[in-house]
């Protein structure tokens, strides 16, 4: 079932649809789906709304058309060197993509074309990335006297390692889809026009998992980026015990013992 949720268009530049337990977000700012302060604020608000919807387990984000996922920020915003504009955009980028990274469910980027600068940073904020064969990814900010300010230097380094992060950021190296898969920048590679299909298939697999378990596991996995294993191992055990306060824990075990599919309540 496909249900469009934004009948009053509350999220400028974003189209939101519900497909079962999956929220599909399509970037709609042609031709290159660039980010503006207004659209970044809309994404922050959208993620907050999805976090409140207990019936949403997964989020898929893609670009409209078959050429661009997103080309990042519109450089015209920075043409006059206004530091106030720069500060606002940096803050909006941080708020939006940190909210996306903290989404309580599973987020999947369907990279259907160029993902440049803030476009790639958007994909990096997602849990998983699927690239189409013609996709190209880069963080080219240094070529215009800027730097990635929406988590790019951090999430890229975590995802592909320091050496490849330096090649992409310091040398401005563009990465094609095959290379992206090889270095772990993306998790799957599909033919042109197939990334959304694959992403929705993965989102359906999320529905077999307990939403409360997925949320707890995601926090622990991401926590490994900044916290030592010793503290995370303690947190892991505490989270395991905490799940026994949820309906999903009881439902999951009873469904397994009863040899039936669980009916998750996300609580």
Protein backbone atom coordinates (compact mmCIF):
# COMPACT_ATOMS: atom_id res chain seq x y z
CA UNK A 1 0.00 0.00 0.00
CA UNK A 2 1.30 3.46 -0.94
CA UNK A 3 0.00 6.41 1.03
CA UNK A 4 1.21 9.96 0.55
CA UNK A 5 1.53 11.54 3.99
CA UNK A 6 2.29 15.14 3.04
CA UNK A 7 -1.03 16.16 1.48
CA UNK A 8 -0.47 19.73 2.65
CA UNK A 9 3.22 19.68 1.61
CA UNK A 10 4.70 20.52 5.03
CA UNK A 11 8.22 19.51 3.97
CA UNK A 12 9.53 21.80 1.18
CA UNK A 13 11.66 19.97 -1.34
CA UNK A 14 10.79 16.57 0.09
CA UNK A 15 8.04 14.16 -0.90
CA UNK A 16 6.97 11.74 1.83
CA UNK A 17 5.06 8.52 1.21
CA UNK A 18 4.17 5.60 3.44
CA UNK A 19 4.72 2.10 2.09
CA UNK A 20 3.61 -0.25 4.84
CA UNK A 21 5.98 0.29 7.76
CA UNK A 22 8.44 2.21 5.54
CA UNK A 23 8.66 5.96 5.01
CA UNK A 24 9.89 6.84 1.53
CA UNK A 25 11.44 10.31 1.26
CA UNK A 26 12.19 11.63 -2.21
CA UNK A 27 14.35 14.72 -2.72
CA UNK A 28 12.47 17.00 -5.11
CA UNK A 29 14.46 20.14 -5.83
CA UNK A 30 15.34 19.77 -9.53
CA UNK A 31 17.54 19.65 -11.37
CA UNK A 32 20.19 18.57 -8.83
CA UNK A 33 18.19 18.37 -5.55
CA UNK A 34 20.44 20.88 -3.82
CA UNK A 35 19.98 21.68 -0.15
CA UNK A 36 18.82 25.05 1.16
CA UNK A 37 18.28 26.17 4.74
CA UNK A 38 14.53 25.70 4.31
CA UNK A 39 14.87 22.15 2.97
CA UNK A 40 17.35 21.14 5.68
CA UNK A 41 14.97 22.45 8.33
CA UNK A 42 12.18 20.46 6.66
CA UNK A 43 14.27 17.28 6.84
CA UNK A 44 14.97 17.84 10.54
CA UNK A 45 11.25 18.28 11.19
CA UNK A 46 10.36 15.27 9.03
CA UNK A 47 12.72 12.97 10.96
CA UNK A 48 11.26 14.22 14.22
CA UNK A 49 7.75 13.44 13.00
CA UNK A 50 8.78 9.96 11.85
CA UNK A 51 10.34 9.23 15.23
CA UNK A 52 6.94 9.91 16.81
CA UNK A 53 5.15 7.55 14.41
CA UNK A 54 5.49 4.14 16.07
CA UNK A 55 4.20 2.44 12.94
CA UNK A 56 7.27 3.46 10.90
CA UNK A 57 10.17 1.02 11.17
CA UNK A 58 12.37 2.04 8.20
CA UNK A 59 13.22 5.10 6.15
CA UNK A 60 14.32 5.11 2.50
CA UNK A 61 15.68 8.31 0.95
CA UNK A 62 16.36 8.86 -2.75
CA UNK A 63 16.44 11.57 -5.40
CA UNK A 64 13.75 12.19 -8.00
CA UNK A 65 14.72 11.15 -11.52
CA UNK A 66 17.74 9.15 -12.61
CA UNK A 67 20.62 11.66 -12.65
CA UNK A 68 21.01 13.12 -9.18
CA UNK A 69 20.64 11.81 -5.66
CA UNK A 70 21.74 15.24 -4.50
CA UNK A 71 24.47 17.66 -5.54
CA UNK A 72 24.72 19.10 -2.02
CA UNK A 73 24.48 22.79 -1.21
CA UNK A 74 23.79 25.41 -3.85
CA UNK A 75 27.13 27.25 -4.09
CA UNK A 76 25.33 30.46 -5.03
CA UNK A 77 24.50 30.76 -1.32
CA UNK A 78 28.20 31.30 -0.57
CA UNK A 79 29.11 33.50 -3.54
CA UNK A 80 29.33 36.75 -1.54
CA UNK A 81 31.34 35.27 1.33
CA UNK A 82 28.70 36.04 3.98
CA UNK A 83 29.81 34.30 7.20
CA UNK A 84 26.34 34.63 8.68
CA UNK A 85 24.89 32.60 5.81
CA UNK A 86 27.71 30.09 6.19
CA UNK A 87 27.02 29.72 9.91
CA UNK A 88 23.31 29.21 9.33
CA UNK A 89 23.85 26.61 6.63
CA UNK A 90 26.46 24.74 8.68
CA UNK A 91 24.07 24.61 11.64
CA UNK A 92 21.14 23.50 9.47
CA UNK A 93 23.23 20.78 7.81
CA UNK A 94 24.37 19.51 11.18
CA UNK A 95 20.88 19.48 12.65
CA UNK A 96 19.37 17.69 9.64
CA UNK A 97 21.94 14.97 9.10
CA UNK A 98 22.54 14.32 12.79
CA UNK A 99 18.78 13.87 13.13
CA UNK A 100 18.87 11.47 10.18
CA UNK A 101 21.74 9.51 11.71
CA UNK A 102 19.80 9.27 14.99
CA UNK A 103 16.54 8.10 13.37
CA UNK A 104 15.31 5.31 15.65
CA UNK A 105 14.66 2.87 12.77
CA UNK A 106 16.77 1.69 9.85
CA UNK A 107 17.63 4.32 7.22
CA UNK A 108 18.62 3.36 3.68
CA UNK A 109 19.94 5.68 0.96
CA UNK A 110 19.04 4.69 -2.62
CA UNK A 111 21.77 6.55 -4.51
CA UNK A 112 20.30 6.96 -7.98
CA UNK A 113 22.92 9.26 -9.49
CA UNK A 114 25.40 11.92 -8.45
CA UNK A 115 25.86 12.22 -4.67
CA UNK A 116 28.17 15.19 -4.20
CA UNK A 117 29.15 17.16 -1.11
CA UNK A 118 26.11 17.48 1.13
CA UNK A 119 24.37 14.89 -1.02
CA UNK A 120 26.96 12.26 -0.09
CA UNK A 121 26.89 13.44 3.52
CA UNK A 122 23.15 12.79 3.54
CA UNK A 123 23.77 9.23 2.34
CA UNK A 124 26.56 8.78 4.89
CA UNK A 125 24.14 9.72 7.65
CA UNK A 126 22.00 6.72 6.68
CA UNK A 127 22.60 3.23 8.06
CA UNK A 128 22.91 1.58 4.66
CA UNK A 129 23.61 2.74 1.11
CA UNK A 130 22.68 1.20 -2.26
CA UNK A 131 24.22 2.70 -5.40
CA UNK A 132 23.16 2.40 -9.01
CA UNK A 133 25.83 1.50 -11.55
CA UNK A 134 26.07 5.04 -12.96
CA UNK A 135 26.29 6.78 -9.58
CA UNK A 136 29.26 9.00 -8.75
CA UNK A 137 30.18 10.08 -5.22
CA UNK A 138 32.52 12.82 -3.99
CA UNK A 139 33.23 15.39 -1.30
CA UNK A 140 34.67 18.16 -3.54
CA UNK A 141 34.33 21.08 -1.12
CA UNK A 142 38.07 21.80 -0.92
CA UNK A 143 38.15 22.45 -4.67
CA UNK A 144 36.08 25.59 -4.05
CA UNK A 145 37.79 26.67 -0.83
CA UNK A 146 35.34 25.00 1.55
CA UNK A 147 35.20 21.76 3.54
CA UNK A 148 32.54 19.13 4.31
CA UNK A 149 30.66 20.51 7.33
CA UNK A 150 27.76 18.06 7.61
CA UNK A 151 29.62 15.10 9.09
CA UNK A 152 31.50 14.19 5.93
CA UNK A 153 35.01 14.09 7.32
CA UNK A 154 33.87 12.03 10.28
CA UNK A 155 31.33 9.59 8.79
CA UNK A 156 33.40 9.04 5.66
CA UNK A 157 36.51 8.22 7.72
CA UNK A 158 34.50 5.83 9.87
CA UNK A 159 32.96 4.14 6.84
CA UNK A 160 35.91 3.76 4.43
CA UNK A 161 38.96 4.40 6.59
CA UNK A 162 41.34 7.34 6.83
CA UNK A 163 43.27 6.71 3.61
CA UNK A 164 40.27 6.68 1.29
CA UNK A 165 38.72 9.57 3.18
CA UNK A 166 41.88 11.58 2.53
CA UNK A 167 41.86 10.65 -1.16
CA UNK A 168 38.28 11.82 -1.52
CA UNK A 169 38.52 14.96 0.63
CA UNK A 170 42.13 16.11 0.24
CA UNK A 171 42.59 15.11 -3.41
CA UNK A 172 39.00 15.67 -4.49
CA UNK A 173 38.84 12.15 -5.90
CA UNK A 174 35.51 11.07 -7.34
CA UNK A 175 34.40 7.50 -6.73
CA UNK A 176 32.31 5.48 -9.15
CA UNK A 177 29.79 2.91 -7.96
CA UNK A 178 32.06 -0.11 -8.37
CA UNK A 179 34.85 1.53 -6.39
CA UNK A 180 32.36 2.65 -3.75
CA UNK A 181 31.29 -0.96 -3.25
CA UNK A 182 34.90 -2.14 -3.13
CA UNK A 183 35.91 0.30 -0.40
CA UNK A 184 32.71 -0.11 1.63
CA UNK A 185 31.26 3.31 0.89
CA UNK A 186 28.09 1.58 -0.30
CA UNK A 187 26.64 -1.76 0.74
CA UNK A 188 25.20 -2.93 -2.57
CA UNK A 189 25.43 -2.16 -6.27
CA UNK A 190 22.48 -2.43 -8.65
CA UNK A 191 21.64 -1.59 -12.24
CA UNK A 192 20.41 1.86 -13.25
CA UNK A 193 16.89 2.46 -11.98
CA UNK A 194 16.99 -0.39 -9.44
CA UNK A 195 18.23 1.24 -6.24
CA UNK A 196 14.79 2.15 -4.92
CA UNK A 197 13.46 -1.35 -5.55
CA UNK A 198 16.39 -2.88 -3.64
CA UNK A 199 16.12 -0.34 -0.83
CA UNK A 200 12.42 -1.07 -0.36
CA UNK A 201 13.18 -4.79 -0.33
CA UNK A 202 15.70 -4.24 2.44
CA UNK A 203 13.18 -2.08 4.30
CA UNK A 204 10.70 -4.96 4.15
CA UNK A 205 13.27 -7.20 5.81
CA UNK A 206 13.43 -4.70 8.67
CA UNK A 207 9.78 -5.47 9.40
CA UNK A 208 10.72 -8.99 10.49
CA UNK A 209 12.87 -7.51 13.24
CA UNK A 210 11.60 -6.13 16.53
CA UNK A 211 11.55 -2.32 16.19
CA UNK A 212 12.56 -1.89 19.82
CA UNK A 213 15.46 -4.31 19.41
CA UNK A 214 16.58 -2.61 16.20
CA UNK A 215 16.58 0.80 17.89
CA UNK A 216 18.64 -0.48 20.82
CA UNK A 217 21.08 -2.33 18.54
CA UNK A 218 21.55 0.72 16.34
CA UNK A 219 22.47 2.90 19.32
CA UNK A 220 25.02 0.34 20.47
CA UNK A 221 26.59 -0.12 17.03
CA UNK A 222 26.93 3.62 16.50
CA UNK A 223 28.18 4.04 20.06
CA UNK A 224 31.22 1.98 19.13
CA UNK A 225 32.45 4.98 17.12
CA UNK A 226 33.13 7.09 20.18
CA UNK A 227 33.03 4.90 23.29
CA UNK A 228 35.57 2.24 24.34
CA UNK A 229 34.45 -1.40 24.09
CA UNK A 230 34.52 -1.80 27.86
CA UNK A 231 31.77 0.76 28.38
CA UNK A 232 29.76 -0.43 25.38
CA UNK A 233 29.83 -4.04 26.60
CA UNK A 234 28.23 -2.90 29.85
CA UNK A 235 25.67 -0.85 27.91
CA UNK A 236 24.95 -3.87 25.73
CA UNK A 237 24.04 -6.03 28.71
CA UNK A 238 21.93 -3.26 30.23
CA UNK A 239 20.06 -2.79 26.95
CA UNK A 240 19.42 -6.55 26.76
CA UNK A 241 17.84 -6.52 30.21
CA UNK A 242 15.90 -3.36 29.38
CA UNK A 243 14.15 -5.09 26.48
CA UNK A 244 12.34 -7.26 29.01
CA UNK A 245 10.23 -4.20 29.83
CA UNK A 246 8.87 -4.16 26.27
CA UNK A 247 5.86 -5.84 24.71
CA UNK A 248 7.96 -6.74 21.69
CA UNK A 249 10.25 -8.96 23.78
CA UNK A 250 7.34 -10.98 25.07
CA UNK A 251 5.69 -11.13 21.65
CA UNK A 252 8.91 -12.18 19.92
CA UNK A 253 9.62 -15.09 22.23
CA UNK A 254 6.01 -16.27 22.30
CA UNK A 255 5.76 -16.07 18.51
CA UNK A 256 8.91 -18.15 18.12
CA UNK A 257 7.71 -20.77 20.57
CA UNK A 258 4.29 -20.77 18.93
CA UNK A 259 5.83 -21.10 15.47
CA UNK A 260 4.09 -18.02 14.11
CA UNK A 261 5.12 -14.62 12.80
CA UNK A 262 5.36 -11.92 15.48
CA UNK A 263 3.00 -8.97 15.53
CA UNK A 264 5.26 -6.13 16.62
CA UNK A 265 3.85 -3.21 18.61
CA UNK A 266 7.05 -1.14 18.73
CA UNK A 267 6.78 -0.81 22.46
